[in-house]
Amino acid sequence: HGLTLTHGWRPESGFIPYRWRGYDEGLLLYILGLGSPTYPLPSES
């Protein structure tokens, strides 16, 4: 429910309270998410 991607999730506790923001290896993550033809990220992310 946010614009940025979370670091991950656990079935026991839900989403990890950290997000991919600021320059790092997450650059690849966003390009892959934006390029998805099925469940893509919005451009605003």
All heavy atoms as atom14 arrays in JSON, in Angstrom:
{
  "sequence": "HGLTLTHGWRPESGFIPYRWRGYDEGLLLYILGLGSPTYPLPSES",
  "atom14_mask": [
    [1, 1, 1, 1, 1, 1, 1, 1, 1, 1, 0, 0, 0, 0],
    [1, 1, 1, 1, 0, 0, 0, 0, 0, 0, 0, 0, 0, 0],
    [1, 1, 1, 1, 1, 1, 1, 1, 0, 0, 0, 0, 0, 0],
    [1, 1, 1, 1, 1, 1, 1, 0, 0, 0, 0, 0, 0, 0],
    [1, 1, 1, 1, 1, 1, 1, 1, 0, 0, 0, 0, 0, 0],
    [1, 1, 1, 1, 1, 1, 1, 0, 0, 0, 0, 0, 0, 0],
    [1, 1, 1, 1, 1, 1, 1, 1, 1, 1, 0, 0, 0, 0],
    [1, 1, 1, 1, 0, 0, 0, 0, 0, 0, 0, 0, 0, 0],
    [1, 1, 1, 1, 1, 1, 1, 1, 1, 1, 1, 1, 1, 1],
    [1, 1, 1, 1, 1, 1, 1, 1, 1, 1, 1, 0, 0, 0],
    [1, 1, 1, 1, 1, 1, 1, 0, 0, 0, 0, 0, 0, 0],
    [1, 1, 1, 1, 1, 1, 1, 1, 1, 0, 0, 0, 0, 0],
    [1, 1, 1, 1, 1, 1, 0, 0, 0, 0, 0, 0, 0, 0],
    [1, 1, 1, 1, 0, 0, 0, 0, 0, 0, 0, 0, 0, 0],
    [1, 1, 1, 1, 1, 1, 1, 1, 1, 1, 1, 0, 0, 0],
    [1, 1, 1, 1, 1, 1, 1, 1, 0, 0, 0, 0, 0, 0],
    [1, 1, 1, 1, 1, 1, 1, 0, 0, 0, 0, 0, 0, 0],
    [1, 1, 1, 1, 1, 1, 1, 1, 1, 1, 1, 1, 0, 0],
    [1, 1, 1, 1, 1, 1, 1, 1, 1, 1, 1, 0, 0, 0],
    [1, 1, 1, 1, 1, 1, 1, 1, 1, 1, 1, 1, 1, 1],
    [1, 1, 1, 1, 1, 1, 1, 1, 1, 1, 1, 0, 0, 0],
    [1, 1, 1, 1, 0, 0, 0, 0, 0, 0, 0, 0, 0, 0],
    [1, 1, 1, 1, 1, 1, 1, 1, 1, 1, 1, 1, 0, 0],
    [1, 1, 1, 1, 1, 1, 1, 1, 0, 0, 0, 0, 0, 0],
    [1, 1, 1, 1, 1, 1, 1, 1, 1, 0, 0, 0, 0, 0],
    [1, 1, 1, 1, 0, 0, 0, 0, 0, 0, 0, 0, 0, 0],
    [1, 1, 1, 1, 1, 1, 1, 1, 0, 0, 0, 0, 0, 0],
    [1, 1, 1, 1, 1, 1, 1, 1, 0, 0, 0, 0, 0, 0],
    [1, 1, 1, 1, 1, 1, 1, 1, 0, 0, 0, 0, 0, 0],
    [1, 1, 1, 1, 1, 1, 1, 1, 1, 1, 1, 1, 0, 0],
    [1, 1, 1, 1, 1, 1, 1, 1, 0, 0, 0, 0, 0, 0],
    [1, 1, 1, 1, 1, 1, 1, 1, 0, 0, 0, 0, 0, 0],
    [1, 1, 1, 1, 0, 0, 0, 0, 0, 0, 0, 0, 0, 0],
    [1, 1, 1, 1, 1, 1, 1, 1, 0, 0, 0, 0, 0, 0],
    [1, 1, 1, 1, 0, 0, 0, 0, 0, 0, 0, 0, 0, 0],
    [1, 1, 1, 1, 1, 1, 0, 0, 0, 0, 0, 0, 0, 0],
    [1, 1, 1, 1, 1, 1, 1, 0, 0, 0, 0, 0, 0, 0],
    [1, 1, 1, 1, 1, 1, 1, 0, 0, 0, 0, 0, 0, 0],
    [1, 1, 1, 1, 1, 1, 1, 1, 1, 1, 1, 1, 0, 0],
    [1, 1, 1, 1, 1, 1, 1, 0, 0, 0, 0, 0, 0, 0],
    [1, 1, 1, 1, 1, 1, 1, 1, 0, 0, 0, 0, 0, 0],
    [1, 1, 1, 1, 1, 1, 1, 0, 0, 0, 0, 0, 0, 0],
    [1, 1, 1, 1, 1, 1, 0, 0, 0, 0, 0, 0, 0, 0],
    [1, 1, 1, 1, 1, 1, 1, 1, 1, 0, 0, 0, 0, 0],
    [1, 1, 1, 1, 1, 1, 0, 0, 0, 0, 0, 0, 0, 0]
  ],
  "atom14_positions": [
    [[0.8, -1.22, 0.0], [0.0, 0.0, 0.0], [0.84, 1.28, 0.0], [0.35, 2.35, 0.37], [-0.97, 0.03, 1.19], [-1.88, -1.16, 1.23], [-1.63, -2.27, 2.02], [-3.03, -1.43, 0.56], [-2.59, -3.16, 1.85], [-3.45, -2.68, 0.97], [0.0, 0.0, 0.0], [0.0, 0.0, 0.0], [0.0, 0.0, 0.0], [0.0, 0.0, 0.0]],
    [[2.09, 1.19, -0.4], [2.93, 2.37, -0.54], [3.47, 2.46, -1.96], [3.17, 1.61, -2.81], [0.0, 0.0, 0.0], [0.0, 0.0, 0.0], [0.0, 0.0, 0.0], [0.0, 0.0, 0.0], [0.0, 0.0, 0.0], [0.0, 0.0, 0.0], [0.0, 0.0, 0.0], [0.0, 0.0, 0.0], [0.0, 0.0, 0.0], [0.0, 0.0, 0.0]],
    [[4.25, 3.48, -2.24], [4.83, 3.62, -3.58], [6.14, 2.86, -3.71], [6.49, 2.4, -4.81], [5.07, 5.11, -3.89], [3.83, 5.9, -4.32], [4.21, 7.36, -4.53], [3.23, 5.32, -5.61], [0.0, 0.0, 0.0], [0.0, 0.0, 0.0], [0.0, 0.0, 0.0], [0.0, 0.0, 0.0], [0.0, 0.0, 0.0], [0.0, 0.0, 0.0]],
    [[6.88, 2.73, -2.63], [8.17, 2.04, -2.69], [8.03, 0.57, -2.3], [7.12, 0.18, -1.56], [9.2, 2.71, -1.75], [8.63, 2.82, -0.45], [9.57, 4.09, -2.26], [0.0, 0.0, 0.0], [0.0, 0.0, 0.0], [0.0, 0.0, 0.0], [0.0, 0.0, 0.0], [0.0, 0.0, 0.0], [0.0, 0.0, 0.0], [0.0, 0.0, 0.0]],
    [[8.95, -0.23, -2.8], [8.95, -1.66, -2.51], [9.48, -1.94, -1.12], [10.44, -1.33, -0.67], [9.81, -2.4, -3.54], [9.17, -2.58, -4.93], [10.24, -2.79, -5.97], [8.2, -3.76, -4.91], [0.0, 0.0, 0.0], [0.0, 0.0, 0.0], [0.0, 0.0, 0.0], [0.0, 0.0, 0.0], [0.0, 0.0, 0.0], [0.0, 0.0, 0.0]],
    [[8.84, -2.88, -0.44], [9.35, -3.32, 0.86], [10.52, -4.27, 0.66], [10.71, -4.83, -0.41], [8.25, -4.05, 1.64], [7.87, -5.23, 0.93], [7.04, -3.16, 1.85], [0.0, 0.0, 0.0], [0.0, 0.0, 0.0], [0.0, 0.0, 0.0], [0.0, 0.0, 0.0], [0.0, 0.0, 0.0], [0.0, 0.0, 0.0], [0.0, 0.0, 0.0]],
    [[11.31, -4.44, 1.72], [12.41, -5.39, 1.66], [11.91, -6.83, 1.6], [12.6, -7.7, 1.09], [13.33, -5.21, 2.87], [14.28, -4.08, 2.71], [15.5, -4.03, 3.35], [14.21, -2.94, 1.99], [16.14, -2.92, 3.03], [15.36, -2.23, 2.2], [0.0, 0.0, 0.0], [0.0, 0.0, 0.0], [0.0, 0.0, 0.0], [0.0, 0.0, 0.0]],
    [[10.72, -7.07, 2.16], [10.21, -8.43, 2.12], [9.07, -8.65, 3.09], [8.45, -7.7, 3.59], [0.0, 0.0, 0.0], [0.0, 0.0, 0.0], [0.0, 0.0, 0.0], [0.0, 0.0, 0.0], [0.0, 0.0, 0.0], [0.0, 0.0, 0.0], [0.0, 0.0, 0.0], [0.0, 0.0, 0.0], [0.0, 0.0, 0.0], [0.0, 0.0, 0.0]],
    [[8.82, -9.94, 3.38], [7.62, -10.33, 4.1], [7.88, -11.65, 4.82], [8.7, -12.46, 4.37], [6.5, -10.46, 3.08], [5.17, -10.95, 3.57], [4.16, -10.2, 4.1], [4.68, -12.3, 3.54], [3.08, -10.99, 4.4], [3.37, -12.28, 4.06], [5.23, -13.51, 3.1], [2.59, -13.43, 4.17], [4.47, -14.67, 3.22], [3.16, -14.62, 3.75]],
    [[7.2, -11.82, 5.95], [7.23, -13.1, 6.65], [5.79, -13.5, 6.99], [4.99, -12.66, 7.41], [8.03, -13.0, 7.96], [9.53, -12.94, 7.78], [10.24, -12.99, 9.14], [11.69, -13.06, 8.98], [12.49, -12.01, 8.87], [11.96, -10.78, 8.91], [13.79, -12.17, 8.74], [0.0, 0.0, 0.0], [0.0, 0.0, 0.0], [0.0, 0.0, 0.0]],
    [[5.46, -14.77, 6.84], [4.08, -15.19, 7.16], [3.75, -15.02, 8.63], [2.58, -14.85, 8.99], [4.06, -16.67, 6.75], [5.49, -17.1, 6.72], [6.27, -15.89, 6.33], [0.0, 0.0, 0.0], [0.0, 0.0, 0.0], [0.0, 0.0, 0.0], [0.0, 0.0, 0.0], [0.0, 0.0, 0.0], [0.0, 0.0, 0.0], [0.0, 0.0, 0.0]],
    [[4.77, -15.04, 9.48], [4.53, -14.91, 10.92], [4.23, -13.47, 11.34], [3.52, -13.25, 12.33], [5.75, -15.4, 11.71], [6.06, -16.87, 11.56], [6.88, -17.2, 10.33], [7.33, -16.25, 9.64], [7.08, -18.4, 10.05], [0.0, 0.0, 0.0], [0.0, 0.0, 0.0], [0.0, 0.0, 0.0], [0.0, 0.0, 0.0], [0.0, 0.0, 0.0]],
    [[4.77, -12.49, 10.62], [4.66, -11.1, 11.09], [4.3, -10.09, 10.01], [4.17, -8.9, 10.3], [5.98, -10.69, 11.76], [7.08, -10.88, 10.86], [0.0, 0.0, 0.0], [0.0, 0.0, 0.0], [0.0, 0.0, 0.0], [0.0, 0.0, 0.0], [0.0, 0.0, 0.0], [0.0, 0.0, 0.0], [0.0, 0.0, 0.0], [0.0, 0.0, 0.0]],
    [[4.18, -10.52, 8.78], [3.82, -9.6, 7.71], [5.02, -8.91, 7.08], [6.13, -9.46, 7.09], [0.0, 0.0, 0.0], [0.0, 0.0, 0.0], [0.0, 0.0, 0.0], [0.0, 0.0, 0.0], [0.0, 0.0, 0.0], [0.0, 0.0, 0.0], [0.0, 0.0, 0.0], [0.0, 0.0, 0.0], [0.0, 0.0, 0.0], [0.0, 0.0, 0.0]],
    [[4.8, -7.72, 6.53], [5.85, -7.04, 5.79], [6.97, -6.53, 6.7], [6.73, -6.08, 7.82], [5.28, -5.87, 4.99], [4.54, -6.3, 3.76], [3.16, -6.4, 3.77], [5.23, -6.62, 2.6], [2.47, -6.81, 2.65], [4.55, -7.04, 1.47], [3.17, -7.14, 1.49], [0.0, 0.0, 0.0], [0.0, 0.0, 0.0], [0.0, 0.0, 0.0]],
    [[8.19, -6.61, 6.2], [9.35, -6.07, 6.9], [9.25, -4.54, 6.89], [8.95, -3.95, 5.85], [10.65, -6.53, 6.21], [10.77, -8.06, 6.32], [11.88, -5.85, 6.79], [11.9, -8.63, 5.48], [0.0, 0.0, 0.0], [0.0, 0.0, 0.0], [0.0, 0.0, 0.0], [0.0, 0.0, 0.0], [0.0, 0.0, 0.0], [0.0, 0.0, 0.0]],
    [[9.51, -3.86, 8.0], [9.32, -2.4, 8.07], [10.46, -1.59, 7.46], [10.84, -0.56, 7.98], [9.21, -2.16, 9.57], [10.06, -3.21, 10.18], [9.88, -4.43, 9.31], [0.0, 0.0, 0.0], [0.0, 0.0, 0.0], [0.0, 0.0, 0.0], [0.0, 0.0, 0.0], [0.0, 0.0, 0.0], [0.0, 0.0, 0.0], [0.0, 0.0, 0.0]],
    [[11.01, -2.06, 6.35], [12.05, -1.32, 5.64], [11.68, -1.31, 4.17], [11.11, -2.27, 3.65], [13.43, -1.96, 5.83], [13.85, -2.07, 7.27], [13.81, -3.29, 7.93], [14.27, -0.94, 7.98], [14.18, -3.4, 9.26], [14.64, -1.03, 9.31], [14.6, -2.27, 9.94], [14.96, -2.36, 11.26], [0.0, 0.0, 0.0], [0.0, 0.0, 0.0]],
    [[12.04, -0.21, 3.5], [11.7, -0.07, 2.09], [12.93, 0.29, 1.27], [13.9, 0.84, 1.78], [10.62, 1.03, 1.92], [9.27, 0.61, 2.46], [8.22, 1.7, 2.29], [6.91, 1.22, 2.71], [6.02, 0.64, 1.9], [6.31, 0.5, 0.61], [4.86, 0.22, 2.36], [0.0, 0.0, 0.0], [0.0, 0.0, 0.0], [0.0, 0.0, 0.0]],
    [[12.85, -0.05, -0.01], [13.93, 0.29, -0.93], [13.78, 1.75, -1.35], [12.97, 2.09, -2.2], [13.91, -0.64, -2.14], [14.27, -2.04, -1.78], [13.41, -3.1, -1.59], [15.57, -2.56, -1.51], [14.1, -4.22, -1.24], [15.43, -3.92, -1.17], [16.85, -2.0, -1.52], [16.52, -4.73, -0.85], [17.93, -2.8, -1.21], [17.76, -4.14, -0.88]],
    [[14.58, 2.59, -0.7], [14.58, 4.03, -0.99], [16.03, 4.51, -0.99], [16.83, 4.12, -0.14], [13.79, 4.81, 0.07], [12.31, 4.48, 0.13], [11.59, 5.26, 1.22], [11.54, 6.7, 0.92], [12.21, 7.62, 1.59], [13.02, 7.28, 2.59], [12.1, 8.89, 1.27], [0.0, 0.0, 0.0], [0.0, 0.0, 0.0], [0.0, 0.0, 0.0]],
    [[16.38, 5.38, -1.92], [17.76, 5.85, -1.99], [18.6, 4.89, -2.8], [18.28, 3.71, -2.94], [0.0, 0.0, 0.0], [0.0, 0.0, 0.0], [0.0, 0.0, 0.0], [0.0, 0.0, 0.0], [0.0, 0.0, 0.0], [0.0, 0.0, 0.0], [0.0, 0.0, 0.0], [0.0, 0.0, 0.0], [0.0, 0.0, 0.0], [0.0, 0.0, 0.0]],
    [[19.71, 5.36, -3.32], [20.47, 4.57, -4.29], [21.12, 3.35, -3.66], [21.79, 3.44, -2.63], [21.54, 5.44, -4.95], [22.28, 4.68, -6.04], [21.59, 4.1, -7.09], [23.67, 4.53, -6.0], [22.24, 3.4, -8.08], [24.33, 3.83, -6.99], [23.62, 3.27, -8.04], [24.27, 2.57, -9.01], [0.0, 0.0, 0.0], [0.0, 0.0, 0.0]],
    [[20.92, 2.22, -4.31], [21.52, 0.96, -3.91], [21.22, -0.07, -5.0], [20.8, 0.3, -6.1], [20.98, 0.49, -2.55], [19.45, 0.54, -2.47], [18.8, 0.36, -3.51], [18.93, 0.78, -1.36], [0.0, 0.0, 0.0], [0.0, 0.0, 0.0], [0.0, 0.0, 0.0], [0.0, 0.0, 0.0], [0.0, 0.0, 0.0], [0.0, 0.0, 0.0]],
    [[21.4, -1.35, -4.67], [21.14, -2.4, -5.66], [19.67, -2.49, -6.02], [19.29, -3.2, -6.96], [21.66, -3.75, -5.16], [20.9, -4.36, -3.99], [21.34, -3.86, -2.63], [21.9, -2.74, -2.54], [21.12, -4.59, -1.64], [0.0, 0.0, 0.0], [0.0, 0.0, 0.0], [0.0, 0.0, 0.0], [0.0, 0.0, 0.0], [0.0, 0.0, 0.0]],
    [[18.81, -1.77, -5.28], [17.39, -1.75, -5.58], [17.06, -1.16, -6.94], [15.92, -1.28, -7.4], [0.0, 0.0, 0.0], [0.0, 0.0, 0.0], [0.0, 0.0, 0.0], [0.0, 0.0, 0.0], [0.0, 0.0, 0.0], [0.0, 0.0, 0.0], [0.0, 0.0, 0.0], [0.0, 0.0, 0.0], [0.0, 0.0, 0.0], [0.0, 0.0, 0.0]],
    [[18.0, -0.52, -7.59], [17.77, 0.02, -8.93], [17.26, -1.09, -9.87], [16.3, -0.89, -10.61], [19.07, 0.63, -9.48], [19.01, 1.26, -10.87], [18.0, 2.38, -10.95], [20.41, 1.78, -11.26], [0.0, 0.0, 0.0], [0.0, 0.0, 0.0], [0.0, 0.0, 0.0], [0.0, 0.0, 0.0], [0.0, 0.0, 0.0], [0.0, 0.0, 0.0]],
    [[17.89, -2.25, -9.81], [17.44, -3.39, -10.64], [16.03, -3.8, -10.27], [15.21, -4.12, -11.14], [18.4, -4.57, -10.44], [18.01, -5.87, -11.14], [18.15, -5.72, -12.65], [18.86, -7.03, -10.64], [0.0, 0.0, 0.0], [0.0, 0.0, 0.0], [0.0, 0.0, 0.0], [0.0, 0.0, 0.0], [0.0, 0.0, 0.0], [0.0, 0.0, 0.0]],
    [[15.74, -3.8, -8.98], [14.43, -4.2, -8.48], [13.32, -3.37, -9.12], [12.3, -3.9, -9.59], [14.44, -4.02, -6.97], [13.31, -4.58, -6.12], [13.27, -6.09, -6.2], [13.51, -4.15, -4.67], [0.0, 0.0, 0.0], [0.0, 0.0, 0.0], [0.0, 0.0, 0.0], [0.0, 0.0, 0.0], [0.0, 0.0, 0.0], [0.0, 0.0, 0.0]],
    [[13.51, -2.05, -9.17], [12.48, -1.18, -9.71], [12.35, -1.33, -11.23], [11.24, -1.28, -11.77], [12.77, 0.27, -9.33], [12.34, 0.56, -7.91], [13.22, 0.35, -6.84], [11.05, 0.98, -7.61], [12.83, 0.57, -5.53], [10.64, 1.22, -6.31], [11.54, 1.0, -5.27], [11.13, 1.2, -3.98], [0.0, 0.0, 0.0], [0.0, 0.0, 0.0]],
    [[13.45, -1.51, -11.91], [13.38, -1.67, -13.37], [12.62, -2.95, -13.72], [11.79, -2.97, -14.63], [14.8, -1.65, -13.97], [15.36, -0.23, -13.85], [14.79, -2.11, -15.42], [16.84, -0.13, -14.12], [0.0, 0.0, 0.0], [0.0, 0.0, 0.0], [0.0, 0.0, 0.0], [0.0, 0.0, 0.0], [0.0, 0.0, 0.0], [0.0, 0.0, 0.0]],
    [[12.87, -4.03, -12.96], [12.14, -5.27, -13.19], [10.66, -5.1, -12.87], [9.79, -5.57, -13.6], [12.73, -6.39, -12.33], [14.09, -6.93, -12.75], [14.65, -7.85, -11.67], [13.97, -7.68, -14.08], [0.0, 0.0, 0.0], [0.0, 0.0, 0.0], [0.0, 0.0, 0.0], [0.0, 0.0, 0.0], [0.0, 0.0, 0.0], [0.0, 0.0, 0.0]],
    [[10.37, -4.42, -11.75], [8.98, -4.21, -11.37], [8.22, -3.34, -12.36], [7.06, -3.61, -12.69], [0.0, 0.0, 0.0], [0.0, 0.0, 0.0], [0.0, 0.0, 0.0], [0.0, 0.0, 0.0], [0.0, 0.0, 0.0], [0.0, 0.0, 0.0], [0.0, 0.0, 0.0], [0.0, 0.0, 0.0], [0.0, 0.0, 0.0], [0.0, 0.0, 0.0]],
    [[8.86, -2.3, -12.85], [8.23, -1.41, -13.82], [8.0, -2.11, -15.15], [7.06, -1.8, -15.88], [9.1, -0.17, -14.03], [9.15, 0.82, -12.87], [10.31, 1.8, -13.06], [7.83, 1.58, -12.74], [0.0, 0.0, 0.0], [0.0, 0.0, 0.0], [0.0, 0.0, 0.0], [0.0, 0.0, 0.0], [0.0, 0.0, 0.0], [0.0, 0.0, 0.0]],
    [[8.87, -3.08, -15.48], [8.79, -3.74, -16.78], [7.8, -4.88, -16.84], [7.55, -5.43, -17.92], [0.0, 0.0, 0.0], [0.0, 0.0, 0.0], [0.0, 0.0, 0.0], [0.0, 0.0, 0.0], [0.0, 0.0, 0.0], [0.0, 0.0, 0.0], [0.0, 0.0, 0.0], [0.0, 0.0, 0.0], [0.0, 0.0, 0.0], [0.0, 0.0, 0.0]],
    [[7.22, -5.25, -15.71], [6.29, -6.39, -15.7], [5.04, -6.09, -16.52], [4.43, -5.04, -16.36], [5.89, -6.71, -14.26], [4.85, -7.67, -14.24], [0.0, 0.0, 0.0], [0.0, 0.0, 0.0], [0.0, 0.0, 0.0], [0.0, 0.0, 0.0], [0.0, 0.0, 0.0], [0.0, 0.0, 0.0], [0.0, 0.0, 0.0], [0.0, 0.0, 0.0]],
    [[4.63, -7.03, -17.39], [3.39, -6.82, -18.16], [2.15, -7.29, -17.41], [1.03, -7.07, -17.89], [3.63, -7.68, -19.4], [4.46, -8.82, -18.9], [5.36, -8.24, -17.82], [0.0, 0.0, 0.0], [0.0, 0.0, 0.0], [0.0, 0.0, 0.0], [0.0, 0.0, 0.0], [0.0, 0.0, 0.0], [0.0, 0.0, 0.0], [0.0, 0.0, 0.0]],
    [[2.31, -7.92, -16.24], [1.18, -8.51, -15.52], [0.8, -7.73, -14.27], [-0.34, -7.31, -14.1], [1.5, -9.96, -15.16], [2.81, -10.02, -14.56], [1.47, -10.85, -16.4], [0.0, 0.0, 0.0], [0.0, 0.0, 0.0], [0.0, 0.0, 0.0], [0.0, 0.0, 0.0], [0.0, 0.0, 0.0], [0.0, 0.0, 0.0], [0.0, 0.0, 0.0]],
    [[1.76, -7.56, -13.34], [1.5, -6.86, -12.07], [2.56, -5.78, -11.87], [3.35, -5.84, -10.94], [1.54, -7.84, -10.9], [0.66, -9.06, -11.07], [1.21, -10.29, -11.42], [-0.72, -8.97, -10.88], [0.41, -11.41, -11.56], [-1.54, -10.08, -11.02], [-0.96, -11.31, -11.37], [-1.77, -12.41, -11.52], [0.0, 0.0, 0.0], [0.0, 0.0, 0.0]],
    [[2.58, -4.77, -12.73], [3.7, -3.82, -12.7], [3.61, -2.81, -11.57], [2.54, -2.55, -11.02], [3.57, -3.11, -14.06], [2.11, -3.14, -14.35], [1.63, -4.47, -13.82], [0.0, 0.0, 0.0], [0.0, 0.0, 0.0], [0.0, 0.0, 0.0], [0.0, 0.0, 0.0], [0.0, 0.0, 0.0], [0.0, 0.0, 0.0], [0.0, 0.0, 0.0]],
    [[4.76, -2.23, -11.28], [4.81, -1.07, -10.39], [4.3, 0.15, -11.15], [4.5, 0.26, -12.37], [6.25, -0.79, -9.96], [6.92, -1.78, -9.02], [8.4, -1.42, -8.86], [6.23, -1.79, -7.67], [0.0, 0.0, 0.0], [0.0, 0.0, 0.0], [0.0, 0.0, 0.0], [0.0, 0.0, 0.0], [0.0, 0.0, 0.0], [0.0, 0.0, 0.0]],
    [[3.67, 1.09, -10.47], [3.34, 2.36, -11.13], [4.6, 3.17, -11.37], [5.59, 3.04, -10.62], [2.43, 3.05, -10.12], [2.83, 2.49, -8.79], [3.23, 1.07, -9.05], [0.0, 0.0, 0.0], [0.0, 0.0, 0.0], [0.0, 0.0, 0.0], [0.0, 0.0, 0.0], [0.0, 0.0, 0.0], [0.0, 0.0, 0.0], [0.0, 0.0, 0.0]],
    [[4.6, 4.0, -12.38], [5.78, 4.81, -12.69], [6.19, 5.68, -11.51], [7.38, 5.98, -11.32], [5.51, 5.69, -13.92], [5.27, 4.9, -15.06], [0.0, 0.0, 0.0], [0.0, 0.0, 0.0], [0.0, 0.0, 0.0], [0.0, 0.0, 0.0], [0.0, 0.0, 0.0], [0.0, 0.0, 0.0], [0.0, 0.0, 0.0], [0.0, 0.0, 0.0]],
    [[5.23, 6.08, -10.68], [5.52, 6.94, -9.54], [6.44, 6.26, -8.52], [7.09, 6.92, -7.72], [4.22, 7.35, -8.83], [3.28, 8.18, -9.69], [2.48, 7.31, -10.65], [2.25, 6.12, -10.34], [2.1, 7.82, -11.74], [0.0, 0.0, 0.0], [0.0, 0.0, 0.0], [0.0, 0.0, 0.0], [0.0, 0.0, 0.0], [0.0, 0.0, 0.0]],
    [[6.48, 4.94, -8.55], [7.31, 4.23, -7.57], [8.79, 4.53, -7.78], [9.56, 4.59, -6.82], [7.07, 2.72, -7.65], [7.52, 2.2, -8.88], [0.0, 0.0, 0.0], [0.0, 0.0, 0.0], [0.0, 0.0, 0.0], [0.0, 0.0, 0.0], [0.0, 0.0, 0.0], [0.0, 0.0, 0.0], [0.0, 0.0, 0.0], [0.0, 0.0, 0.0]]
  ]
}
